[in-house]
N, C-alpha and C. Protein backbone atom coordinates (compact mmCIF):
# COMPACT_ATOMS: atom_id res chain seq x y z
N MET A 1 90.23 119.66 88.67
CA MET A 1 90.07 118.68 87.60
C MET A 1 91.36 117.90 87.37
N LEU A 2 92.46 118.66 87.25
CA LEU A 2 93.75 118.03 87.03
C LEU A 2 94.15 117.16 88.22
N LYS A 3 93.87 117.66 89.43
CA LYS A 3 94.19 116.91 90.64
C LYS A 3 93.42 115.60 90.69
N GLU A 4 92.12 115.66 90.32
CA GLU A 4 91.31 114.44 90.32
C GLU A 4 91.82 113.44 89.30
N LEU A 5 92.27 113.94 88.14
CA LEU A 5 92.80 113.07 87.10
C LEU A 5 94.06 112.38 87.56
N MET A 6 94.95 113.12 88.23
CA MET A 6 96.20 112.54 88.74
C MET A 6 95.91 111.49 89.80
N GLU A 7 94.95 111.77 90.68
CA GLU A 7 94.60 110.81 91.72
C GLU A 7 94.04 109.53 91.10
N LYS A 8 93.26 109.69 90.01
CA LYS A 8 92.70 108.52 89.33
C LYS A 8 93.81 107.68 88.70
N ILE A 9 94.78 108.34 88.09
CA ILE A 9 95.91 107.63 87.48
C ILE A 9 96.70 106.89 88.53
N GLN A 10 96.97 107.55 89.67
CA GLN A 10 97.71 106.91 90.76
C GLN A 10 96.93 105.73 91.31
N SER A 11 95.61 105.87 91.40
CA SER A 11 94.79 104.77 91.91
C SER A 11 94.86 103.57 90.99
N LEU A 12 94.81 103.83 89.67
CA LEU A 12 94.91 102.73 88.72
C LEU A 12 96.27 102.08 88.76
N ALA A 13 97.31 102.89 88.97
CA ALA A 13 98.67 102.35 89.06
C ALA A 13 98.83 101.45 90.26
N GLY A 14 98.03 101.72 91.32
CA GLY A 14 98.16 100.92 92.52
C GLY A 14 97.37 99.62 92.48
N ASN A 15 96.54 99.44 91.46
CA ASN A 15 95.74 98.22 91.37
C ASN A 15 96.49 97.16 90.58
N ARG A 16 96.77 96.03 91.20
CA ARG A 16 97.42 94.92 90.52
C ARG A 16 96.50 93.71 90.55
N ASP A 17 96.79 92.78 89.68
CA ASP A 17 95.99 91.56 89.67
C ASP A 17 96.05 90.88 91.03
N THR A 18 94.90 90.43 91.51
CA THR A 18 94.84 89.76 92.80
C THR A 18 95.51 88.39 92.70
N PHE A 19 96.36 88.11 93.67
CA PHE A 19 97.06 86.83 93.69
C PHE A 19 96.10 85.73 94.16
N ASP A 20 96.10 84.62 93.46
CA ASP A 20 95.24 83.49 93.81
C ASP A 20 96.08 82.42 94.51
N PRO A 21 95.95 82.27 95.84
CA PRO A 21 96.76 81.29 96.56
C PRO A 21 96.47 79.84 96.16
N ALA A 22 95.35 79.61 95.51
CA ALA A 22 95.00 78.24 95.10
C ALA A 22 96.02 77.69 94.12
N GLN A 23 96.68 78.57 93.39
CA GLN A 23 97.65 78.13 92.39
C GLN A 23 98.89 77.51 93.02
N LEU A 24 99.07 77.68 94.32
CA LEU A 24 100.22 77.10 95.02
C LEU A 24 100.00 75.63 95.36
N ASN A 25 98.76 75.18 95.25
CA ASN A 25 98.43 73.77 95.55
C ASN A 25 98.91 73.36 96.95
N ASP A 26 98.65 74.23 97.89
CA ASP A 26 99.07 74.00 99.27
C ASP A 26 97.94 74.44 100.19
N PRO A 27 97.39 73.55 101.01
CA PRO A 27 96.26 73.93 101.88
C PRO A 27 96.62 75.05 102.86
N VAL A 28 97.88 75.13 103.26
CA VAL A 28 98.27 76.20 104.19
C VAL A 28 98.12 77.57 103.52
N ALA A 29 98.38 77.63 102.22
CA ALA A 29 98.26 78.90 101.49
C ALA A 29 96.83 79.43 101.54
N LEU A 30 95.85 78.53 101.60
CA LEU A 30 94.46 78.95 101.65
C LEU A 30 94.06 79.43 103.04
N GLN A 31 94.84 79.07 104.05
CA GLN A 31 94.59 79.55 105.42
C GLN A 31 95.30 80.87 105.69
N THR A 32 96.19 81.25 104.78
CA THR A 32 97.05 82.40 105.00
C THR A 32 96.44 83.68 104.45
N GLU A 33 96.63 84.79 105.15
CA GLU A 33 96.17 86.08 104.64
C GLU A 33 97.13 86.58 103.56
N TRP A 34 96.57 87.26 102.56
CA TRP A 34 97.37 87.74 101.43
C TRP A 34 97.30 89.25 101.29
N THR A 35 96.97 89.91 102.37
CA THR A 35 97.07 91.36 102.46
C THR A 35 98.35 91.69 103.24
N PRO A 36 98.84 92.93 103.14
CA PRO A 36 100.08 93.28 103.86
C PRO A 36 99.97 92.99 105.36
N ALA A 37 101.00 92.39 105.90
CA ALA A 37 101.02 92.09 107.33
C ALA A 37 101.40 93.31 108.15
N LYS A 38 102.04 94.28 107.50
CA LYS A 38 102.48 95.49 108.18
C LYS A 38 102.13 96.68 107.31
N GLY A 39 101.28 97.56 107.82
CA GLY A 39 100.86 98.71 107.04
C GLY A 39 101.98 99.71 106.83
N GLY A 40 101.92 100.42 105.71
CA GLY A 40 102.93 101.43 105.43
C GLY A 40 104.22 100.81 104.93
N GLY A 41 105.31 101.53 105.07
CA GLY A 41 106.60 101.04 104.61
C GLY A 41 107.42 102.18 104.05
N SER A 42 108.65 101.91 103.70
CA SER A 42 109.54 102.94 103.17
C SER A 42 109.67 102.79 101.66
N ASN A 43 110.14 103.85 101.01
CA ASN A 43 110.33 103.80 99.56
C ASN A 43 111.79 103.53 99.19
N PHE A 44 112.59 103.10 100.18
CA PHE A 44 113.98 102.73 99.92
C PHE A 44 114.32 101.47 100.71
N ARG A 45 115.49 100.91 100.45
CA ARG A 45 115.90 99.68 101.11
C ARG A 45 116.35 99.97 102.55
N THR A 46 115.66 99.39 103.51
CA THR A 46 116.01 99.63 104.91
C THR A 46 116.87 98.52 105.51
N HIS A 47 116.82 97.31 104.94
CA HIS A 47 117.55 96.17 105.50
C HIS A 47 118.24 95.35 104.41
N LYS A 48 119.31 94.73 104.78
CA LYS A 48 120.01 93.81 103.89
C LYS A 48 120.29 92.52 104.65
N LEU A 49 120.29 91.40 103.93
CA LEU A 49 120.52 90.09 104.54
C LEU A 49 122.02 89.82 104.58
N VAL A 50 122.50 89.43 105.76
CA VAL A 50 123.94 89.20 105.98
C VAL A 50 124.12 87.81 106.58
N SER A 51 125.12 87.09 106.09
CA SER A 51 125.46 85.78 106.66
C SER A 51 126.48 85.99 107.77
N ALA A 52 126.06 85.77 109.02
CA ALA A 52 126.98 85.92 110.16
C ALA A 52 127.93 84.73 110.23
N ASN A 53 127.40 83.53 109.96
CA ASN A 53 128.20 82.32 109.86
C ASN A 53 127.33 81.27 109.15
N SER A 54 127.82 80.04 109.06
CA SER A 54 127.10 79.02 108.31
C SER A 54 125.75 78.66 108.92
N ASN A 55 125.54 78.99 110.20
CA ASN A 55 124.30 78.63 110.89
C ASN A 55 123.42 79.82 111.22
N ARG A 56 123.83 81.01 110.79
CA ARG A 56 123.11 82.20 111.22
C ARG A 56 123.07 83.26 110.11
N MET A 57 121.85 83.75 109.86
CA MET A 57 121.67 84.87 108.93
C MET A 57 120.90 85.97 109.64
N GLU A 58 121.23 87.21 109.30
CA GLU A 58 120.60 88.36 109.95
C GLU A 58 120.23 89.41 108.92
N PHE A 59 119.09 90.05 109.14
CA PHE A 59 118.77 91.27 108.42
C PHE A 59 119.29 92.43 109.26
N ARG A 60 120.13 93.25 108.63
CA ARG A 60 120.71 94.41 109.31
C ARG A 60 120.34 95.68 108.56
N ALA A 61 120.39 96.79 109.26
CA ALA A 61 120.06 98.07 108.64
C ALA A 61 121.01 98.35 107.48
N SER A 62 120.46 98.80 106.37
CA SER A 62 121.27 99.13 105.20
C SER A 62 122.03 100.43 105.42
N PHE A 63 123.01 100.68 104.58
CA PHE A 63 123.78 101.93 104.68
C PHE A 63 122.87 103.14 104.49
N GLY A 64 121.96 103.04 103.51
CA GLY A 64 121.05 104.16 103.27
C GLY A 64 120.16 104.45 104.45
N ALA A 65 119.66 103.40 105.11
CA ALA A 65 118.81 103.59 106.28
C ALA A 65 119.60 104.23 107.43
N LEU A 66 120.82 103.74 107.67
CA LEU A 66 121.64 104.31 108.73
C LEU A 66 121.95 105.77 108.47
N ALA A 67 122.25 106.10 107.21
CA ALA A 67 122.53 107.49 106.86
C ALA A 67 121.31 108.37 107.12
N PHE A 68 120.13 107.85 106.80
CA PHE A 68 118.88 108.59 107.01
C PHE A 68 118.63 108.82 108.50
N TYR A 69 118.83 107.78 109.30
CA TYR A 69 118.61 107.90 110.75
C TYR A 69 119.60 108.88 111.37
N PHE A 70 120.87 108.75 111.00
CA PHE A 70 121.90 109.64 111.55
C PHE A 70 121.70 111.08 111.11
N LEU A 71 121.16 111.28 109.91
CA LEU A 71 120.91 112.64 109.43
C LEU A 71 119.95 113.36 110.37
N PHE A 72 118.84 112.70 110.71
CA PHE A 72 117.89 113.30 111.65
C PHE A 72 118.55 113.55 112.99
N LEU A 73 119.28 112.55 113.48
CA LEU A 73 119.90 112.67 114.80
C LEU A 73 120.92 113.79 114.85
N LEU A 74 121.79 113.87 113.85
CA LEU A 74 122.85 114.87 113.84
C LEU A 74 122.31 116.27 113.61
N ILE A 75 121.28 116.40 112.78
CA ILE A 75 120.67 117.72 112.60
C ILE A 75 120.11 118.22 113.92
N GLY A 76 119.38 117.34 114.61
CA GLY A 76 118.81 117.72 115.89
C GLY A 76 119.86 118.08 116.93
N LEU A 77 120.87 117.22 117.06
CA LEU A 77 121.94 117.50 118.03
C LEU A 77 122.71 118.75 117.63
N GLY A 78 122.93 118.93 116.33
CA GLY A 78 123.66 120.10 115.86
C GLY A 78 122.94 121.39 116.22
N VAL A 79 121.62 121.41 116.01
CA VAL A 79 120.84 122.59 116.35
C VAL A 79 120.87 122.84 117.86
N LEU A 80 120.69 121.80 118.64
CA LEU A 80 120.70 121.95 120.10
C LEU A 80 122.03 122.50 120.60
N ILE A 81 123.12 121.89 120.14
CA ILE A 81 124.44 122.29 120.63
C ILE A 81 124.83 123.67 120.13
N ALA A 82 124.68 123.90 118.82
CA ALA A 82 125.11 125.17 118.24
C ALA A 82 124.29 126.34 118.78
N PHE A 83 122.97 126.19 118.84
CA PHE A 83 122.13 127.28 119.30
C PHE A 83 122.34 127.54 120.79
N SER A 84 122.47 126.47 121.59
CA SER A 84 122.71 126.65 123.02
C SER A 84 124.04 127.35 123.26
N TYR A 85 125.08 126.94 122.54
CA TYR A 85 126.40 127.56 122.69
C TYR A 85 126.34 129.04 122.33
N PHE A 86 125.67 129.35 121.21
CA PHE A 86 125.57 130.75 120.77
C PHE A 86 124.85 131.60 121.80
N LYS A 87 123.75 131.09 122.32
CA LYS A 87 122.97 131.86 123.29
C LYS A 87 123.70 132.04 124.61
N PHE A 88 124.33 130.97 125.10
CA PHE A 88 125.04 131.06 126.37
C PHE A 88 126.27 131.96 126.25
N SER A 89 127.00 131.83 125.15
CA SER A 89 128.21 132.63 124.98
C SER A 89 127.91 134.10 124.79
N SER A 90 126.74 134.40 124.24
CA SER A 90 126.37 135.81 124.03
C SER A 90 125.58 136.37 125.21
N GLY A 91 125.28 135.50 126.17
CA GLY A 91 124.53 135.95 127.34
C GLY A 91 123.08 136.22 127.05
N GLY A 92 122.57 135.69 125.94
CA GLY A 92 121.20 135.99 125.56
C GLY A 92 120.23 134.85 125.79
N PHE A 93 120.63 133.84 126.57
CA PHE A 93 119.74 132.70 126.79
C PHE A 93 118.58 133.11 127.69
N SER A 94 117.39 132.75 127.27
CA SER A 94 116.19 133.06 128.06
C SER A 94 115.12 132.03 127.73
N PHE A 95 114.03 132.09 128.43
CA PHE A 95 112.93 131.16 128.21
C PHE A 95 111.84 131.81 127.35
N ARG A 96 112.28 132.60 126.37
CA ARG A 96 111.34 133.21 125.45
C ARG A 96 111.23 132.37 124.18
N ALA A 97 110.22 132.66 123.37
CA ALA A 97 109.93 131.84 122.19
C ALA A 97 111.10 131.77 121.23
N GLU A 98 111.80 132.88 121.00
CA GLU A 98 112.90 132.88 120.03
C GLU A 98 114.06 132.00 120.47
N THR A 99 114.10 131.67 121.76
CA THR A 99 115.13 130.76 122.27
C THR A 99 114.62 129.33 122.33
N LEU A 100 113.39 129.16 122.81
CA LEU A 100 112.86 127.82 123.04
C LEU A 100 112.46 127.09 121.75
N VAL A 101 111.92 127.81 120.77
CA VAL A 101 111.45 127.16 119.54
C VAL A 101 112.57 126.41 118.83
N PRO A 102 113.74 127.03 118.57
CA PRO A 102 114.81 126.27 117.92
C PRO A 102 115.27 125.07 118.75
N LEU A 103 115.30 125.22 120.07
CA LEU A 103 115.71 124.12 120.93
C LEU A 103 114.71 122.97 120.88
N VAL A 104 113.43 123.31 120.88
CA VAL A 104 112.40 122.28 120.79
C VAL A 104 112.47 121.55 119.45
N LEU A 105 112.67 122.30 118.37
CA LEU A 105 112.79 121.68 117.06
C LEU A 105 114.01 120.76 117.00
N GLY A 106 115.12 121.23 117.56
CA GLY A 106 116.32 120.39 117.61
C GLY A 106 116.09 119.13 118.40
N LEU A 107 115.38 119.27 119.53
CA LEU A 107 115.09 118.11 120.36
C LEU A 107 114.18 117.12 119.64
N ILE A 108 113.20 117.64 118.87
CA ILE A 108 112.29 116.77 118.12
C ILE A 108 113.06 115.99 117.07
N PHE A 109 113.92 116.67 116.30
CA PHE A 109 114.72 115.98 115.28
C PHE A 109 115.63 114.93 115.90
N ALA A 110 116.28 115.29 117.01
CA ALA A 110 117.20 114.36 117.67
C ALA A 110 116.45 113.15 118.21
N THR A 111 115.26 113.37 118.76
CA THR A 111 114.46 112.28 119.31
C THR A 111 113.99 111.34 118.21
N ILE A 112 113.50 111.92 117.10
CA ILE A 112 113.05 111.10 115.97
C ILE A 112 114.21 110.28 115.42
N GLY A 113 115.36 110.94 115.22
CA GLY A 113 116.54 110.24 114.71
C GLY A 113 117.01 109.14 115.64
N GLY A 114 117.00 109.43 116.95
CA GLY A 114 117.42 108.43 117.92
C GLY A 114 116.49 107.23 117.95
N CYS A 115 115.17 107.49 117.87
CA CYS A 115 114.19 106.39 117.87
C CYS A 115 114.32 105.55 116.61
N MET A 116 114.47 106.22 115.45
CA MET A 116 114.62 105.47 114.20
C MET A 116 115.89 104.62 114.23
N LEU A 117 116.96 105.18 114.77
CA LEU A 117 118.22 104.45 114.86
C LEU A 117 118.08 103.24 115.78
N TYR A 118 117.42 103.44 116.91
CA TYR A 118 117.27 102.34 117.88
C TYR A 118 116.41 101.22 117.31
N PHE A 119 115.22 101.58 116.83
CA PHE A 119 114.30 100.55 116.35
C PHE A 119 114.72 99.99 114.99
N GLY A 120 115.39 100.81 114.18
CA GLY A 120 115.81 100.36 112.86
C GLY A 120 117.00 99.42 112.89
N THR A 121 117.69 99.34 114.01
CA THR A 121 118.86 98.47 114.13
C THR A 121 118.62 97.28 115.04
N ILE A 122 117.36 97.04 115.39
CA ILE A 122 117.05 95.84 116.18
C ILE A 122 117.41 94.60 115.37
N PRO A 123 118.17 93.68 115.93
CA PRO A 123 118.57 92.47 115.19
C PRO A 123 117.36 91.64 114.73
N ILE A 124 117.43 91.15 113.49
CA ILE A 124 116.43 90.24 112.93
C ILE A 124 117.19 88.99 112.53
N VAL A 125 116.98 87.90 113.27
CA VAL A 125 117.93 86.78 113.25
C VAL A 125 117.25 85.45 112.90
N PHE A 126 117.95 84.69 112.06
CA PHE A 126 117.61 83.28 111.80
C PHE A 126 118.81 82.45 112.23
N ASP A 127 118.65 81.66 113.27
CA ASP A 127 119.78 80.94 113.84
C ASP A 127 119.47 79.45 113.92
N LYS A 128 120.17 78.65 113.11
CA LYS A 128 119.93 77.20 113.10
C LYS A 128 120.44 76.54 114.38
N ARG A 129 121.48 77.07 114.96
CA ARG A 129 122.01 76.48 116.20
C ARG A 129 121.03 76.68 117.34
N GLU A 130 120.45 77.89 117.42
CA GLU A 130 119.42 78.16 118.43
C GLU A 130 118.10 77.48 118.05
N GLY A 131 117.88 77.36 116.72
CA GLY A 131 116.63 76.78 116.24
C GLY A 131 115.48 77.76 116.19
N TYR A 132 115.80 79.06 116.20
CA TYR A 132 114.76 80.08 116.27
C TYR A 132 114.98 81.21 115.25
N PHE A 133 113.85 81.85 114.91
CA PHE A 133 113.85 83.18 114.30
C PHE A 133 113.37 84.14 115.36
N TRP A 134 114.02 85.32 115.46
CA TRP A 134 113.52 86.32 116.40
C TRP A 134 113.95 87.72 115.98
N LYS A 135 113.20 88.70 116.50
CA LYS A 135 113.57 90.10 116.41
C LYS A 135 113.84 90.57 117.83
N GLY A 136 115.01 91.09 118.07
CA GLY A 136 115.31 91.56 119.42
C GLY A 136 116.79 91.59 119.69
N ARG A 137 117.17 92.32 120.71
CA ARG A 137 118.59 92.47 121.05
C ARG A 137 119.07 91.33 121.96
N LYS A 138 118.13 90.52 122.42
CA LYS A 138 118.49 89.37 123.24
C LYS A 138 118.02 88.09 122.56
N ALA A 139 118.88 87.07 122.56
CA ALA A 139 118.52 85.77 121.99
C ALA A 139 117.53 85.06 122.91
N PRO A 140 116.76 84.11 122.38
CA PRO A 140 115.79 83.39 123.22
C PRO A 140 116.39 82.77 124.47
N GLU A 141 117.63 82.29 124.39
CA GLU A 141 118.25 81.66 125.55
C GLU A 141 118.65 82.67 126.62
N GLU A 142 118.62 83.96 126.28
CA GLU A 142 119.04 85.00 127.21
C GLU A 142 117.88 85.63 127.98
N VAL A 143 116.66 85.18 127.69
CA VAL A 143 115.50 85.73 128.39
C VAL A 143 114.82 84.63 129.20
N PHE A 144 114.21 85.05 130.30
CA PHE A 144 113.54 84.09 131.18
C PHE A 144 112.26 83.57 130.54
N ASP A 145 111.50 84.48 129.92
CA ASP A 145 110.23 84.11 129.29
C ASP A 145 110.33 84.38 127.79
N LYS A 146 110.39 83.33 126.99
CA LYS A 146 110.50 83.49 125.54
C LYS A 146 109.29 84.20 124.96
N ASN A 147 108.14 84.11 125.61
CA ASN A 147 106.93 84.77 125.12
C ASN A 147 107.06 86.29 125.17
N ALA A 148 108.07 86.77 125.91
CA ALA A 148 108.28 88.21 125.98
C ALA A 148 108.87 88.76 124.68
N ILE A 149 109.42 87.88 123.87
CA ILE A 149 109.95 88.30 122.57
C ILE A 149 108.79 88.35 121.59
N LYS A 150 108.50 89.53 121.07
CA LYS A 150 107.30 89.74 120.26
C LYS A 150 107.30 88.88 119.00
N SER A 151 108.38 88.91 118.23
CA SER A 151 108.47 88.15 116.98
C SER A 151 109.43 86.99 117.18
N LEU A 152 108.90 85.84 117.46
CA LEU A 152 109.72 84.67 117.77
C LEU A 152 109.00 83.42 117.27
N THR A 153 109.73 82.54 116.62
CA THR A 153 109.18 81.25 116.24
C THR A 153 110.31 80.26 116.02
N LYS A 154 110.01 79.00 116.23
CA LYS A 154 110.99 77.96 115.93
C LYS A 154 111.14 77.85 114.41
N LEU A 155 112.34 77.59 113.96
CA LEU A 155 112.58 77.49 112.52
C LEU A 155 111.77 76.36 111.90
N ASP A 156 111.58 75.29 112.64
CA ASP A 156 110.84 74.16 112.06
C ASP A 156 109.33 74.42 112.01
N GLU A 157 108.88 75.56 112.53
CA GLU A 157 107.48 75.95 112.41
C GLU A 157 107.23 76.76 111.14
N ILE A 158 108.31 77.18 110.48
CA ILE A 158 108.18 77.98 109.26
C ILE A 158 107.79 77.07 108.10
N HIS A 159 106.72 77.43 107.42
CA HIS A 159 106.23 76.62 106.30
C HIS A 159 106.66 77.20 104.95
N ALA A 160 106.66 78.52 104.85
CA ALA A 160 107.00 79.17 103.58
C ALA A 160 107.39 80.62 103.84
N ILE A 161 107.96 81.23 102.80
CA ILE A 161 108.33 82.65 102.84
C ILE A 161 107.42 83.38 101.87
N GLN A 162 106.67 84.34 102.39
CA GLN A 162 105.68 85.07 101.60
C GLN A 162 106.20 86.46 101.23
N LEU A 163 106.03 86.82 99.95
CA LEU A 163 106.37 88.16 99.48
C LEU A 163 105.08 88.87 99.10
N ILE A 164 104.88 90.06 99.66
CA ILE A 164 103.66 90.84 99.45
C ILE A 164 104.04 92.28 99.09
N SER A 165 103.26 92.89 98.23
CA SER A 165 103.47 94.31 97.91
C SER A 165 102.33 95.15 98.46
N GLU A 166 102.63 96.41 98.73
CA GLU A 166 101.60 97.34 99.20
C GLU A 166 101.82 98.69 98.51
N TYR A 167 100.74 99.26 97.99
CA TYR A 167 100.80 100.57 97.36
C TYR A 167 100.58 101.63 98.43
N CYS A 168 101.59 102.43 98.68
CA CYS A 168 101.54 103.44 99.74
C CYS A 168 101.32 104.81 99.12
N ARG A 169 100.31 105.51 99.57
CA ARG A 169 100.01 106.85 99.07
C ARG A 169 100.48 107.89 100.08
N GLY A 170 101.32 108.79 99.63
CA GLY A 170 101.78 109.88 100.49
C GLY A 170 101.18 111.19 100.03
N ASN A 171 101.50 112.27 100.74
CA ASN A 171 100.97 113.59 100.37
C ASN A 171 101.58 114.09 99.07
N LYS A 172 102.86 113.76 98.85
CA LYS A 172 103.56 114.29 97.68
C LYS A 172 103.98 113.20 96.70
N SER A 173 104.01 111.96 97.15
CA SER A 173 104.42 110.88 96.26
C SER A 173 103.78 109.57 96.69
N SER A 174 103.72 108.64 95.76
CA SER A 174 103.20 107.31 96.04
C SER A 174 104.22 106.28 95.57
N TYR A 175 104.23 105.14 96.22
CA TYR A 175 105.24 104.14 95.91
C TYR A 175 104.78 102.78 96.40
N TYR A 176 105.47 101.74 95.95
CA TYR A 176 105.24 100.39 96.45
C TYR A 176 106.25 100.06 97.54
N SER A 177 105.76 99.39 98.56
CA SER A 177 106.64 98.83 99.58
C SER A 177 106.43 97.32 99.58
N TYR A 178 107.47 96.57 99.88
CA TYR A 178 107.43 95.12 99.74
C TYR A 178 107.80 94.45 101.05
N GLU A 179 107.09 93.37 101.36
CA GLU A 179 107.28 92.65 102.62
C GLU A 179 107.84 91.25 102.39
N ILE A 180 108.67 90.83 103.33
CA ILE A 180 108.98 89.41 103.51
C ILE A 180 108.29 88.97 104.79
N ASN A 181 107.41 88.00 104.67
CA ASN A 181 106.71 87.44 105.83
C ASN A 181 107.00 85.94 105.95
N LEU A 182 107.05 85.47 107.16
CA LEU A 182 107.16 84.03 107.40
C LEU A 182 105.76 83.47 107.56
N VAL A 183 105.45 82.44 106.81
CA VAL A 183 104.17 81.75 106.97
C VAL A 183 104.42 80.50 107.81
N LEU A 184 103.71 80.39 108.92
CA LEU A 184 103.88 79.24 109.80
C LEU A 184 102.98 78.09 109.36
N LYS A 185 103.19 76.94 109.94
CA LYS A 185 102.44 75.75 109.55
C LYS A 185 100.94 75.88 109.81
N ASN A 186 100.57 76.76 110.74
CA ASN A 186 99.15 76.96 111.03
C ASN A 186 98.55 78.10 110.20
N GLY A 187 99.33 78.64 109.25
CA GLY A 187 98.84 79.69 108.38
C GLY A 187 99.05 81.10 108.89
N LYS A 188 99.47 81.23 110.14
CA LYS A 188 99.74 82.56 110.70
C LYS A 188 101.04 83.11 110.11
N ARG A 189 101.19 84.44 110.18
CA ARG A 189 102.34 85.09 109.58
C ARG A 189 103.12 85.93 110.59
N ILE A 190 104.41 86.05 110.33
CA ILE A 190 105.27 86.95 111.08
C ILE A 190 106.01 87.82 110.08
N ASN A 191 105.87 89.13 110.22
CA ASN A 191 106.57 90.03 109.31
C ASN A 191 108.05 90.06 109.64
N VAL A 192 108.87 90.01 108.61
CA VAL A 192 110.33 90.05 108.78
C VAL A 192 110.86 91.44 108.47
N ILE A 193 110.70 91.88 107.22
CA ILE A 193 111.11 93.23 106.83
C ILE A 193 110.09 93.81 105.86
N ASP A 194 110.22 95.11 105.61
CA ASP A 194 109.29 95.82 104.74
C ASP A 194 110.02 97.04 104.18
N HIS A 195 110.31 97.04 102.88
CA HIS A 195 110.98 98.21 102.29
C HIS A 195 110.65 98.33 100.81
N GLY A 196 111.23 99.33 100.15
CA GLY A 196 110.82 99.70 98.81
C GLY A 196 111.65 99.21 97.65
N ASN A 197 112.68 98.41 97.90
CA ASN A 197 113.53 97.92 96.81
C ASN A 197 113.14 96.49 96.47
N GLN A 198 112.33 96.34 95.42
CA GLN A 198 111.79 95.03 95.07
C GLN A 198 112.89 94.04 94.69
N ASN A 199 113.84 94.46 93.87
CA ASN A 199 114.88 93.54 93.39
C ASN A 199 115.74 93.01 94.55
N LYS A 200 116.14 93.91 95.45
CA LYS A 200 116.97 93.49 96.58
C LYS A 200 116.17 92.60 97.52
N LEU A 201 114.89 92.92 97.71
CA LEU A 201 114.06 92.10 98.60
C LEU A 201 113.90 90.69 98.04
N ARG A 202 113.66 90.59 96.74
CA ARG A 202 113.52 89.27 96.13
C ARG A 202 114.84 88.49 96.21
N SER A 203 115.95 89.18 96.00
CA SER A 203 117.25 88.51 96.08
C SER A 203 117.51 88.01 97.50
N ASP A 204 117.21 88.83 98.50
CA ASP A 204 117.40 88.41 99.89
C ASP A 204 116.46 87.26 100.23
N ALA A 205 115.23 87.30 99.72
CA ALA A 205 114.27 86.22 99.98
C ALA A 205 114.76 84.90 99.40
N ALA A 206 115.36 84.96 98.21
CA ALA A 206 115.88 83.74 97.59
C ALA A 206 117.02 83.15 98.41
N THR A 207 117.90 84.02 98.91
CA THR A 207 119.00 83.55 99.76
C THR A 207 118.48 82.95 101.05
N LEU A 208 117.48 83.61 101.64
CA LEU A 208 116.89 83.13 102.88
C LEU A 208 116.18 81.80 102.66
N ALA A 209 115.48 81.66 101.55
CA ALA A 209 114.77 80.42 101.25
C ALA A 209 115.74 79.25 101.11
N GLU A 210 116.88 79.50 100.51
CA GLU A 210 117.90 78.45 100.37
C GLU A 210 118.48 78.08 101.73
N PHE A 211 118.68 79.08 102.57
CA PHE A 211 119.22 78.85 103.91
C PHE A 211 118.25 78.03 104.76
N LEU A 212 116.97 78.34 104.67
CA LEU A 212 115.95 77.65 105.47
C LEU A 212 115.40 76.40 104.80
N GLN A 213 115.67 76.28 103.50
CA GLN A 213 115.10 75.18 102.72
C GLN A 213 113.57 75.23 102.77
N LYS A 214 113.04 76.43 102.48
CA LYS A 214 111.60 76.65 102.45
C LYS A 214 111.21 77.30 101.12
N PRO A 215 109.99 77.07 100.64
CA PRO A 215 109.56 77.66 99.38
C PRO A 215 109.24 79.15 99.52
N ILE A 216 109.32 79.85 98.38
CA ILE A 216 108.91 81.24 98.34
C ILE A 216 107.52 81.34 97.70
N TRP A 217 106.62 82.05 98.34
CA TRP A 217 105.31 82.34 97.77
C TRP A 217 105.33 83.80 97.36
N ASP A 218 105.54 84.05 96.09
CA ASP A 218 105.75 85.40 95.59
C ASP A 218 104.44 85.99 95.07
N ALA A 219 103.85 86.89 95.85
CA ALA A 219 102.61 87.55 95.45
C ALA A 219 102.85 88.99 95.03
N ILE A 220 104.12 89.33 94.80
CA ILE A 220 104.44 90.70 94.36
C ILE A 220 104.00 90.89 92.93
């Protein structure tokens, strides 16, 4: 009974007034989807907007995100190294469960941490000199086929900056995650970032909007 009541309260907390794109008085807004472009999200700030120079802005991994990624990586490596050293030095290394289980767990933590670190630090770039927005470790001019870059668009194709919220339900906690999406002139969207700090996301969106000279469509 109590569990059902709590779930009902959480469900009500997750329901917000539906945003009406007609109020923007823009035909592109009516072609645009207003549901989250990227499912899920984190409950903390994963990215921050940084000015590399007067013509380039980048979203980079936040300190909190880097600390989180390194925590997983270091725990995993620590278990692998410490347990392997102990077993080898004591002459007790074997392929039995009491030896393999800790090593497998260490490997899992290290792999998860390494993957989060790699994908979480992929550059997210707005470059006026290049004339492009992209996500990737290589700039558009550095690749033979620009279509190989998954998230890529010309800056002059950007029509607006969309802010969307999503209520994420977890096993032990629920929270809102917030997106910055680029709305293109044809109404299609490209997700930029997605994290749980609404104030920082709105502040970064305002800075980005000024840099691009594009309007913000705030549906949060």
